[in-house]
């Protein structure tokens, strides 16, 4: 395999990491740090408030295209409120989420 092919594979792997949602409790903390309601987020992303409730409880995860909008929102909130995105001490790392469920 040539080096350019390896670099493309590495880039593809890293691009996939941009599509990872933070743990549910971090999602809620980011929203609260920004002073947003679940309805605010739901309206912006294009879903019902109950969907945001379920995402923040870890009962489901958003599907595309709402997933892309939600990830974008969470990234912007992380930039503005980095303290809210930090994991709690002693909190185990959550298992990987399957994409597109819920």
PDB file of N, CA and C in Angstrom:
ATOM      1  N   UNK A   1       0.857  -1.178   0.000  1.00  0.00           N
ATOM      2  CA  UNK A   1       0.000   0.000   0.000  1.00  0.00           C
ATOM      3  C   UNK A   1       0.901   1.238   0.000  1.00  0.00           C
ATOM      4  N   UNK A   2       0.573   2.201  -0.814  1.00  0.00           N
ATOM      5  CA  UNK A   2       1.379   3.412  -0.908  1.00  0.00           C
ATOM      6  C   UNK A   2       1.063   4.350   0.260  1.00  0.00           C
ATOM      7  N   UNK A   3       1.987   5.255   0.534  1.00  0.00           N
ATOM      8  CA  UNK A   3       1.796   6.213   1.626  1.00  0.00           C
ATOM      9  C   UNK A   3       0.557   7.089   1.433  1.00  0.00           C
ATOM     10  N   UNK A   4       0.272   7.573   0.208  1.00  0.00           N
ATOM     11  CA  UNK A   4      -0.953   8.375   0.054  1.00  0.00           C
ATOM     12  C   UNK A   4      -2.215   7.590   0.414  1.00  0.00           C
ATOM     13  N   UNK A   5      -2.241   6.292   0.108  1.00  0.00           N
ATOM     14  CA  UNK A   5      -3.395   5.475   0.471  1.00  0.00           C
ATOM     15  C   UNK A   5      -3.527   5.367   1.984  1.00  0.00           C
ATOM     16  N   UNK A   6      -2.414   5.216   2.664  1.00  0.00           N
ATOM     17  CA  UNK A   6      -2.444   5.133   4.125  1.00  0.00           C
ATOM     18  C   UNK A   6      -2.941   6.453   4.716  1.00  0.00           C
ATOM     19  N   UNK A   7      -2.476   7.533   4.155  1.00  0.00           N
ATOM     20  CA  UNK A   7      -2.917   8.835   4.659  1.00  0.00           C
ATOM     21  C   UNK A   7      -4.416   9.027   4.468  1.00  0.00           C
ATOM     22  N   UNK A   8      -4.939   8.574   3.352  1.00  0.00           N
ATOM     23  CA  UNK A   8      -6.380   8.667   3.113  1.00  0.00           C
ATOM     24  C   UNK A   8      -7.145   7.828   4.133  1.00  0.00           C
ATOM     25  N   UNK A   9      -6.629   6.639   4.449  1.00  0.00           N
ATOM     26  CA  UNK A   9      -7.287   5.776   5.434  1.00  0.00           C
ATOM     27  C   UNK A   9      -7.257   6.424   6.812  1.00  0.00           C
ATOM     28  N   UNK A  10      -6.141   7.047   7.168  1.00  0.00           N
ATOM     29  CA  UNK A  10      -6.044   7.733   8.456  1.00  0.00           C
ATOM     30  C   UNK A  10      -7.017   8.909   8.494  1.00  0.00           C
ATOM     31  N   UNK A  11      -7.076   9.686   7.415  1.00  0.00           N
ATOM     32  CA  UNK A  11      -8.011  10.810   7.358  1.00  0.00           C
ATOM     33  C   UNK A  11      -9.455  10.337   7.504  1.00  0.00           C
ATOM     34  N   UNK A  12      -9.789   9.248   6.848  1.00  0.00           N
ATOM     35  CA  UNK A  12     -11.151   8.707   6.939  1.00  0.00           C
ATOM     36  C   UNK A  12     -11.462   8.282   8.370  1.00  0.00           C
ATOM     37  N   UNK A  13     -10.485   7.705   9.041  1.00  0.00           N
ATOM     38  CA  UNK A  13     -10.670   7.293  10.427  1.00  0.00           C
ATOM     39  C   UNK A  13     -10.903   8.511  11.326  1.00  0.00           C
ATOM     40  N   UNK A  14     -10.104   9.541  11.138  1.00  0.00           N
ATOM     41  CA  UNK A  14     -10.243  10.749  11.951  1.00  0.00           C
ATOM     42  C   UNK A  14     -11.531  11.494  11.649  1.00  0.00           C
ATOM     43  N   UNK A  15     -11.949  11.519  10.391  1.00  0.00           N
ATOM     44  CA  UNK A  15     -13.208  12.167  10.033  1.00  0.00           C
ATOM     45  C   UNK A  15     -14.374  11.494  10.750  1.00  0.00           C
ATOM     46  N   UNK A  16     -14.299  10.189  10.910  1.00  0.00           N
ATOM     47  CA  UNK A  16     -15.351   9.456  11.606  1.00  0.00           C
ATOM     48  C   UNK A  16     -15.461   9.841  13.072  1.00  0.00           C
ATOM     49  N   UNK A  17     -14.360  10.301  13.664  1.00  0.00           N
ATOM     50  CA  UNK A  17     -14.389  10.708  15.063  1.00  0.00           C
ATOM     51  C   UNK A  17     -15.160  12.002  15.269  1.00  0.00           C
ATOM     52  N   UNK A  18     -15.298  12.799  14.226  1.00  0.00           N
ATOM     53  CA  UNK A  18     -16.057  14.040  14.322  1.00  0.00           C
ATOM     54  C   UNK A  18     -17.550  13.784  14.489  1.00  0.00           C
ATOM     55  N   UNK A  19     -17.969  12.562  14.231  1.00  0.00           N
ATOM     56  CA  UNK A  19     -19.374  12.201  14.257  1.00  0.00           C
ATOM     57  C   UNK A  19     -19.775  11.530  15.571  1.00  0.00           C
ATOM     58  N   UNK A  20     -18.936  11.649  16.601  1.00  0.00           N
ATOM     59  CA  UNK A  20     -19.199  10.990  17.873  1.00  0.00           C
ATOM     60  C   UNK A  20     -19.886  11.968  18.822  1.00  0.00           C
ATOM     61  N   UNK A  21     -20.972  11.523  19.397  1.00  0.00           N
ATOM     62  CA  UNK A  21     -21.695  12.345  20.363  1.00  0.00           C
ATOM     63  C   UNK A  21     -21.047  12.228  21.736  1.00  0.00           C
ATOM     64  N   UNK A  22     -21.055  13.307  22.510  1.00  0.00           N
ATOM     65  CA  UNK A  22     -20.578  13.193  23.891  1.00  0.00           C
ATOM     66  C   UNK A  22     -21.574  12.367  24.697  1.00  0.00           C
ATOM     67  N   UNK A  23     -21.187  11.922  25.881  1.00  0.00           N
ATOM     68  CA  UNK A  23     -22.125  11.166  26.724  1.00  0.00           C
ATOM     69  C   UNK A  23     -23.384  11.978  27.007  1.00  0.00           C
ATOM     70  N   UNK A  24     -24.495  11.296  27.251  1.00  0.00           N
ATOM     71  CA  UNK A  24     -25.760  12.013  27.472  1.00  0.00           C
ATOM     72  C   UNK A  24     -25.699  13.083  28.557  1.00  0.00           C
ATOM     73  N   UNK A  25     -25.036  12.812  29.689  1.00  0.00           N
ATOM     74  CA  UNK A  25     -25.012  13.815  30.754  1.00  0.00           C
ATOM     75  C   UNK A  25     -24.249  15.070  30.326  1.00  0.00           C
ATOM     76  N   UNK A  26     -23.276  14.924  29.435  1.00  0.00           N
ATOM     77  CA  UNK A  26     -22.540  16.088  28.930  1.00  0.00           C
ATOM     78  C   UNK A  26     -23.434  16.885  27.986  1.00  0.00           C
ATOM     79  N   UNK A  27     -24.238  16.208  27.200  1.00  0.00           N
ATOM     80  CA  UNK A  27     -25.163  16.897  26.298  1.00  0.00           C
ATOM     81  C   UNK A  27     -26.068  17.829  27.095  1.00  0.00           C
ATOM     82  N   UNK A  28     -26.615  17.303  28.193  1.00  0.00           N
ATOM     83  CA  UNK A  28     -27.514  18.099  29.035  1.00  0.00           C
ATOM     84  C   UNK A  28     -26.759  19.246  29.696  1.00  0.00           C
ATOM     85  N   UNK A  29     -25.554  18.989  30.189  1.00  0.00           N
ATOM     86  CA  UNK A  29     -24.778  20.053  30.838  1.00  0.00           C
ATOM     87  C   UNK A  29     -24.433  21.175  29.868  1.00  0.00           C
ATOM     88  N   UNK A  30     -24.097  20.819  28.643  1.00  0.00           N
ATOM     89  CA  UNK A  30     -23.792  21.844  27.646  1.00  0.00           C
ATOM     90  C   UNK A  30     -25.016  22.720  27.374  1.00  0.00           C
ATOM     91  N   UNK A  31     -26.150  22.081  27.235  1.00  0.00           N
ATOM     92  CA  UNK A  31     -27.383  22.828  26.986  1.00  0.00           C
ATOM     93  C   UNK A  31     -27.681  23.764  28.147  1.00  0.00           C
ATOM     94  N   UNK A  32     -27.587  23.249  29.362  1.00  0.00           N
ATOM     95  CA  UNK A  32     -27.873  24.054  30.541  1.00  0.00           C
ATOM     96  C   UNK A  32     -26.868  25.195  30.708  1.00  0.00           C
ATOM     97  N   UNK A  33     -25.598  24.931  30.424  1.00  0.00           N
ATOM     98  CA  UNK A  33     -24.567  25.966  30.530  1.00  0.00           C
ATOM     99  C   UNK A  33     -24.865  27.139  29.601  1.00  0.00           C
ATOM    100  N   UNK A  34     -25.502  26.837  28.472  1.00  0.00           N
ATOM    101  CA  UNK A  34     -25.846  27.879  27.506  1.00  0.00           C
ATOM    102  C   UNK A  34     -27.189  28.540  27.820  1.00  0.00           C
ATOM    103  N   UNK A  35     -27.889  28.031  28.833  1.00  0.00           N
ATOM    104  CA  UNK A  35     -29.185  28.594  29.185  1.00  0.00           C
ATOM    105  C   UNK A  35     -30.284  28.234  28.205  1.00  0.00           C
ATOM    106  N   UNK A  36     -30.117  27.111  27.528  1.00  0.00           N
ATOM    107  CA  UNK A  36     -31.106  26.670  26.542  1.00  0.00           C
ATOM    108  C   UNK A  36     -32.047  25.651  27.149  1.00  0.00           C
ATOM    109  N   UNK A  37     -33.284  25.654  26.669  1.00  0.00           N
ATOM    110  CA  UNK A  37     -34.238  24.620  27.077  1.00  0.00           C
ATOM    111  C   UNK A  37     -34.175  23.463  26.086  1.00  0.00           C
ATOM    112  N   UNK A  38     -34.754  22.355  26.478  1.00  0.00           N
ATOM    113  CA  UNK A  38     -34.842  21.225  25.543  1.00  0.00           C
ATOM    114  C   UNK A  38     -35.672  21.614  24.330  1.00  0.00           C
ATOM    115  N   UNK A  39     -36.664  22.441  24.528  1.00  0.00           N
ATOM    116  CA  UNK A  39     -37.483  22.911  23.404  1.00  0.00           C
ATOM    117  C   UNK A  39     -36.664  23.776  22.462  1.00  0.00           C
ATOM    118  N   UNK A  40     -35.790  24.632  23.008  1.00  0.00           N
ATOM    119  CA  UNK A  40     -34.912  25.450  22.162  1.00  0.00           C
ATOM    120  C   UNK A  40     -34.079  24.558  21.247  1.00  0.00           C
ATOM    121  N   UNK A  41     -33.493  23.533  21.832  1.00  0.00           N
ATOM    122  CA  UNK A  41     -32.642  22.624  21.057  1.00  0.00           C
ATOM    123  C   UNK A  41     -33.482  21.875  20.037  1.00  0.00           C
ATOM    124  N   UNK A  42     -34.635  21.375  20.466  1.00  0.00           N
ATOM    125  CA  UNK A  42     -35.508  20.625  19.562  1.00  0.00           C
ATOM    126  C   UNK A  42     -35.919  21.468  18.362  1.00  0.00           C
ATOM    127  N   UNK A  43     -36.304  22.702  18.612  1.00  0.00           N
ATOM    128  CA  UNK A  43     -36.722  23.590  17.516  1.00  0.00           C
ATOM    129  C   UNK A  43     -35.564  23.851  16.558  1.00  0.00           C
ATOM    130  N   UNK A  44     -34.368  24.068  17.103  1.00  0.00           N
ATOM    131  CA  UNK A  44     -33.208  24.363  16.259  1.00  0.00           C
ATOM    132  C   UNK A  44     -32.795  23.170  15.413  1.00  0.00           C
ATOM    133  N   UNK A  45     -32.902  21.976  15.986  1.00  0.00           N
ATOM    134  CA  UNK A  45     -32.445  20.765  15.301  1.00  0.00           C
ATOM    135  C   UNK A  45     -33.532  20.191  14.397  1.00  0.00           C
ATOM    136  N   UNK A  46     -34.792  20.509  14.705  1.00  0.00           N
ATOM    137  CA  UNK A  46     -35.895  20.034  13.874  1.00  0.00           C
ATOM    138  C   UNK A  46     -36.535  18.750  14.347  1.00  0.00           C
ATOM    139  N   UNK A  47     -36.650  18.618  15.683  1.00  0.00           N
ATOM    140  CA  UNK A  47     -37.299  17.438  16.263  1.00  0.00           C
ATOM    141  C   UNK A  47     -38.258  17.902  17.354  1.00  0.00           C
ATOM    142  N   UNK A  48     -38.959  16.956  17.950  1.00  0.00           N
ATOM    143  CA  UNK A  48     -39.823  17.269  19.088  1.00  0.00           C
ATOM    144  C   UNK A  48     -38.979  17.272  20.364  1.00  0.00           C
ATOM    145  N   UNK A  49     -39.462  17.976  21.365  1.00  0.00           N
ATOM    146  CA  UNK A  49     -38.741  18.081  22.636  1.00  0.00           C
ATOM    147  C   UNK A  49     -38.470  16.711  23.238  1.00  0.00           C
ATOM    148  N   UNK A  50     -39.407  15.784  23.089  1.00  0.00           N
ATOM    149  CA  UNK A  50     -39.232  14.444  23.642  1.00  0.00           C
ATOM    150  C   UNK A  50     -37.988  13.757  23.079  1.00  0.00           C
ATOM    151  N   UNK A  51     -37.651  14.030  21.828  1.00  0.00           N
ATOM    152  CA  UNK A  51     -36.445  13.446  21.237  1.00  0.00           C
ATOM    153  C   UNK A  51     -35.206  13.928  21.986  1.00  0.00           C
ATOM    154  N   UNK A  52     -35.149  15.213  22.297  1.00  0.00           N
ATOM    155  CA  UNK A  52     -34.007  15.764  23.029  1.00  0.00           C
ATOM    156  C   UNK A  52     -33.951  15.160  24.430  1.00  0.00           C
ATOM    157  N   UNK A  53     -35.101  15.003  25.062  1.00  0.00           N
ATOM    158  CA  UNK A  53     -35.157  14.353  26.377  1.00  0.00           C
ATOM    159  C   UNK A  53     -34.525  12.968  26.291  1.00  0.00           C
ATOM    160  N   UNK A  54     -34.922  12.198  25.299  1.00  0.00           N
ATOM    161  CA  UNK A  54     -34.407  10.825  25.149  1.00  0.00           C
ATOM    162  C   UNK A  54     -32.914  10.829  24.839  1.00  0.00           C
ATOM    163  N   UNK A  55     -32.431  11.790  24.036  1.00  0.00           N
ATOM    164  CA  UNK A  55     -30.996  11.868  23.734  1.00  0.00           C
ATOM    165  C   UNK A  55     -30.204  12.175  24.992  1.00  0.00           C
ATOM    166  N   UNK A  56     -30.732  13.076  25.829  1.00  0.00           N
ATOM    167  CA  UNK A  56     -30.015  13.458  27.048  1.00  0.00           C
ATOM    168  C   UNK A  56     -30.084  12.388  28.125  1.00  0.00           C
ATOM    169  N   UNK A  57     -31.057  11.509  28.038  1.00  0.00           N
ATOM    170  CA  UNK A  57     -31.144  10.386  28.969  1.00  0.00           C
ATOM    171  C   UNK A  57     -30.380   9.160  28.460  1.00  0.00           C
ATOM    172  N   UNK A  58     -29.917   9.223  27.217  1.00  0.00           N
ATOM    173  CA  UNK A  58     -29.222   8.082  26.643  1.00  0.00           C
ATOM    174  C   UNK A  58     -30.148   6.972  26.189  1.00  0.00           C
ATOM    175  N   UNK A  59     -31.433   7.282  26.048  1.00  0.00           N
ATOM    176  CA  UNK A  59     -32.424   6.282  25.618  1.00  0.00           C
ATOM    177  C   UNK A  59     -32.413   6.090  24.114  1.00  0.00           C
ATOM    178  N   UNK A  60     -31.934   7.113  23.382  1.00  0.00           N
ATOM    179  CA  UNK A  60     -31.837   7.022  21.922  1.00  0.00           C
ATOM    180  C   UNK A  60     -30.777   8.002  21.456  1.00  0.00           C
ATOM    181  N   UNK A  61     -30.428   7.901  20.199  1.00  0.00           N
ATOM    182  CA  UNK A  61     -29.487   8.848  19.593  1.00  0.00           C
ATOM    183  C   UNK A  61     -30.121   9.389  18.319  1.00  0.00           C
ATOM    184  N   UNK A  62     -29.750  10.597  17.958  1.00  0.00           N
ATOM    185  CA  UNK A  62     -30.367  11.202  16.773  1.00  0.00           C
ATOM    186  C   UNK A  62     -29.929  10.536  15.478  1.00  0.00           C
ATOM    187  N   UNK A  63     -30.818  10.585  14.519  1.00  0.00           N
ATOM    188  CA  UNK A  63     -30.519  10.092  13.164  1.00  0.00           C
ATOM    189  C   UNK A  63     -30.231  11.283  12.265  1.00  0.00           C
ATOM    190  N   UNK A  64     -29.612  11.006  11.135  1.00  0.00           N
ATOM    191  CA  UNK A  64     -29.336  12.069  10.165  1.00  0.00           C
ATOM    192  C   UNK A  64     -30.654  12.552   9.575  1.00  0.00           C
ATOM    193  N   UNK A  65     -30.823  13.782   9.214  1.00  0.00           N
ATOM    194  CA  UNK A  65     -29.881  14.895   9.251  1.00  0.00           C
ATOM    195  C   UNK A  65     -29.853  15.591  10.609  1.00  0.00           C
ATOM    196  N   UNK A  66     -30.774  15.243  11.516  1.00  0.00           N
ATOM    197  CA  UNK A  66     -30.803  15.886  12.827  1.00  0.00           C
ATOM    198  C   UNK A  66     -29.516  15.611  13.614  1.00  0.00           C
ATOM    199  N   UNK A  67     -28.933  14.441  13.429  1.00  0.00           N
ATOM    200  CA  UNK A  67     -27.692  14.103  14.128  1.00  0.00           C
ATOM    201  C   UNK A  67     -26.589  15.099  13.780  1.00  0.00           C
ATOM    202  N   UNK A  68     -26.459  15.418  12.499  1.00  0.00           N
ATOM    203  CA  UNK A  68     -25.425  16.357  12.073  1.00  0.00           C
ATOM    204  C   UNK A  68     -25.646  17.735  12.708  1.00  0.00           C
ATOM    205  N   UNK A  69     -26.894  18.191  12.725  1.00  0.00           N
ATOM    206  CA  UNK A  69     -27.211  19.488  13.319  1.00  0.00           C
ATOM    207  C   UNK A  69     -26.954  19.466  14.827  1.00  0.00           C
ATOM    208  N   UNK A  70     -27.316  18.373  15.482  1.00  0.00           N
ATOM    209  CA  UNK A  70     -27.129  18.249  16.931  1.00  0.00           C
ATOM    210  C   UNK A  70     -25.643  18.216  17.287  1.00  0.00           C
ATOM    211  N   UNK A  71     -24.860  17.466  16.531  1.00  0.00           N
ATOM    212  CA  UNK A  71     -23.414  17.414  16.763  1.00  0.00           C
ATOM    213  C   UNK A  71     -22.812  18.799  16.554  1.00  0.00           C
ATOM    214  N   UNK A  72     -23.250  19.506  15.526  1.00  0.00           N
ATOM    215  CA  UNK A  72     -22.749  20.856  15.276  1.00  0.00           C
ATOM    216  C   UNK A  72     -23.073  21.771  16.458  1.00  0.00           C
ATOM    217  N   UNK A  73     -24.293  21.694  16.949  1.00  0.00           N
ATOM    218  CA  UNK A  73     -24.695  22.491  18.102  1.00  0.00           C
ATOM    219  C   UNK A  73     -23.823  22.168  19.310  1.00  0.00           C
ATOM    220  N   UNK A  74     -23.627  20.880  19.588  1.00  0.00           N
ATOM    221  CA  UNK A  74     -22.837  20.476  20.753  1.00  0.00           C
ATOM    222  C   UNK A  74     -21.384  20.921  20.630  1.00  0.00           C
ATOM    223  N   UNK A  75     -20.835  20.875  19.428  1.00  0.00           N
ATOM    224  CA  UNK A  75     -19.458  21.347  19.225  1.00  0.00           C
ATOM    225  C   UNK A  75     -19.356  22.839  19.506  1.00  0.00           C
ATOM    226  N   UNK A  76     -20.314  23.600  19.019  1.00  0.00           N
ATOM    227  CA  UNK A  76     -20.295  25.054  19.255  1.00  0.00           C
ATOM    228  C   UNK A  76     -20.479  25.362  20.743  1.00  0.00           C
ATOM    229  N   UNK A  77     -21.355  24.614  21.409  1.00  0.00           N
ATOM    230  CA  UNK A  77     -21.541  24.814  22.848  1.00  0.00           C
ATOM    231  C   UNK A  77     -20.274  24.441  23.615  1.00  0.00           C
ATOM    232  N   UNK A  78     -19.574  23.415  23.167  1.00  0.00           N
ATOM    233  CA  UNK A  78     -18.315  23.010  23.808  1.00  0.00           C
ATOM    234  C   UNK A  78     -17.278  24.119  23.679  1.00  0.00           C
ATOM    235  N   UNK A  79     -17.242  24.776  22.530  1.00  0.00           N
ATOM    236  CA  UNK A  79     -16.308  25.891  22.336  1.00  0.00           C
ATOM    237  C   UNK A  79     -16.607  27.029  23.311  1.00  0.00           C
ATOM    238  N   UNK A  80     -17.883  27.274  23.564  1.00  0.00           N
ATOM    239  CA  UNK A  80     -18.290  28.386  24.429  1.00  0.00           C
ATOM    240  C   UNK A  80     -18.273  28.029  25.904  1.00  0.00           C
ATOM    241  N   UNK A  81     -18.479  26.748  26.207  1.00  0.00           N
ATOM    242  CA  UNK A  81     -18.582  26.290  27.597  1.00  0.00           C
ATOM    243  C   UNK A  81     -17.735  25.029  27.793  1.00  0.00           C
ATOM    244  N   UNK A  82     -16.411  25.123  27.643  1.00  0.00           N
ATOM    245  CA  UNK A  82     -15.567  23.923  27.733  1.00  0.00           C
ATOM    246  C   UNK A  82     -15.650  23.227  29.087  1.00  0.00           C
ATOM    247  N   UNK A  83     -15.928  23.996  30.134  1.00  0.00           N
ATOM    248  CA  UNK A  83     -16.018  23.385  31.468  1.00  0.00           C
ATOM    249  C   UNK A  83     -17.186  22.405  31.555  1.00  0.00           C
ATOM    250  N   UNK A  84     -18.246  22.656  30.827  1.00  0.00           N
ATOM    251  CA  UNK A  84     -19.422  21.779  30.846  1.00  0.00           C
ATOM    252  C   UNK A  84     -19.179  20.492  30.080  1.00  0.00           C
ATOM    253  N   UNK A  85     -18.191  20.492  29.198  1.00  0.00           N
ATOM    254  CA  UNK A  85     -17.922  19.310  28.378  1.00  0.00           C
ATOM    255  C   UNK A  85     -16.964  18.338  29.042  1.00  0.00           C
ATOM    256  N   UNK A  86     -16.382  18.747  30.161  1.00  0.00           N
ATOM    257  CA  UNK A  86     -15.419  17.870  30.830  1.00  0.00           C
ATOM    258  C   UNK A  86     -16.153  16.730  31.515  1.00  0.00           C
ATOM    259  N   UNK A  87     -15.628  15.502  31.382  1.00  0.00           N
ATOM    260  CA  UNK A  87     -16.259  14.373  32.064  1.00  0.00           C
ATOM    261  C   UNK A  87     -16.077  14.489  33.573  1.00  0.00           C
ATOM    262  N   UNK A  88     -17.017  13.951  34.315  1.00  0.00           N
ATOM    263  CA  UNK A  88     -16.928  13.952  35.772  1.00  0.00           C
ATOM    264  C   UNK A  88     -15.814  13.023  36.218  1.00  0.00           C
ATOM    265  N   UNK A  89     -15.145  13.390  37.306  1.00  0.00           N
ATOM    266  CA  UNK A  89     -14.136  12.507  37.897  1.00  0.00           C
ATOM    267  C   UNK A  89     -14.828  11.241  38.386  1.00  0.00           C
ATOM    268  N   UNK A  90     -14.235  10.116  38.095  1.00  0.00           N
ATOM    269  CA  UNK A  90     -14.782   8.847  38.549  1.00  0.00           C
ATOM    270  C   UNK A  90     -15.910   8.305  37.702  1.00  0.00           C
ATOM    271  N   UNK A  91     -16.315   9.044  36.681  1.00  0.00           N
ATOM    272  CA  UNK A  91     -17.365   8.556  35.795  1.00  0.00           C
ATOM    273  C   UNK A  91     -16.733   7.625  34.775  1.00  0.00           C
ATOM    274  N   UNK A  92     -17.214   6.388  34.698  1.00  0.00           N
ATOM    275  CA  UNK A  92     -16.618   5.470  33.719  1.00  0.00           C
ATOM    276  C   UNK A  92     -16.867   5.948  32.303  1.00  0.00           C
ATOM    277  N   UNK A  93     -15.950   5.619  31.432  1.00  0.00           N
ATOM    278  CA  UNK A  93     -16.106   5.960  30.028  1.00  0.00           C
ATOM    279  C   UNK A  93     -17.264   5.148  29.465  1.00  0.00           C
ATOM    280  N   UNK A  94     -18.234   5.814  28.833  1.00  0.00           N
ATOM    281  CA  UNK A  94     -19.382   5.080  28.301  1.00  0.00           C
ATOM    282  C   UNK A  94     -18.969   4.238  27.097  1.00  0.00           C
ATOM    283  N   UNK A  95     -19.716   3.155  26.850  1.00  0.00           N
ATOM    284  CA  UNK A  95     -19.409   2.338  25.666  1.00  0.00           C
ATOM    285  C   UNK A  95     -19.697   3.125  24.401  1.00  0.00           C
ATOM    286  N   UNK A  96     -19.106   2.707  23.311  1.00  0.00           N
ATOM    287  CA  UNK A  96     -19.353   3.360  22.022  1.00  0.00           C
ATOM    288  C   UNK A  96     -20.814   3.245  21.663  1.00  0.00           C
ATOM    289  N   UNK A  97     -21.330   4.309  21.071  1.00  0.00           N
ATOM    290  CA  UNK A  97     -22.727   4.313  20.646  1.00  0.00           C
ATOM    291  C   UNK A  97     -22.816   3.769  19.238  1.00  0.00           C
ATOM    292  N   UNK A  98     -23.879   3.027  18.970  1.00  0.00           N
ATOM    293  CA  UNK A  98     -24.104   2.618  17.591  1.00  0.00           C
ATOM    294  C   UNK A  98     -24.705   3.802  16.879  1.00  0.00           C
ATOM    295  N   UNK A  99     -24.286   4.038  15.658  1.00  0.00           N
ATOM    296  CA  UNK A  99     -24.733   5.215  14.903  1.00  0.00           C
ATOM    297  C   UNK A  99     -26.113   4.984  14.319  1.00  0.00           C
ATOM    298  N   UNK A 100     -26.892   6.076  14.400  1.00  0.00           N
ATOM    299  CA  UNK A 100     -28.158   6.081  13.697  1.00  0.00           C
ATOM    300  C   UNK A 100     -29.307   5.400  14.388  1.00  0.00           C
ATOM    301  N   UNK A 101     -29.150   4.954  15.657  1.00  0.00           N
ATOM    302  CA  UNK A 101     -30.277   4.337  16.328  1.00  0.00           C
ATOM    303  C   UNK A 101     -31.101   5.402  16.995  1.00  0.00           C
ATOM    304  N   UNK A 102     -32.426   5.233  17.034  1.00  0.00           N
ATOM    305  CA  UNK A 102     -33.298   6.152  17.754  1.00  0.00           C
ATOM    306  C   UNK A 102     -33.693   7.243  16.969  1.00  0.00           C
TER     307      UNK A 102
END
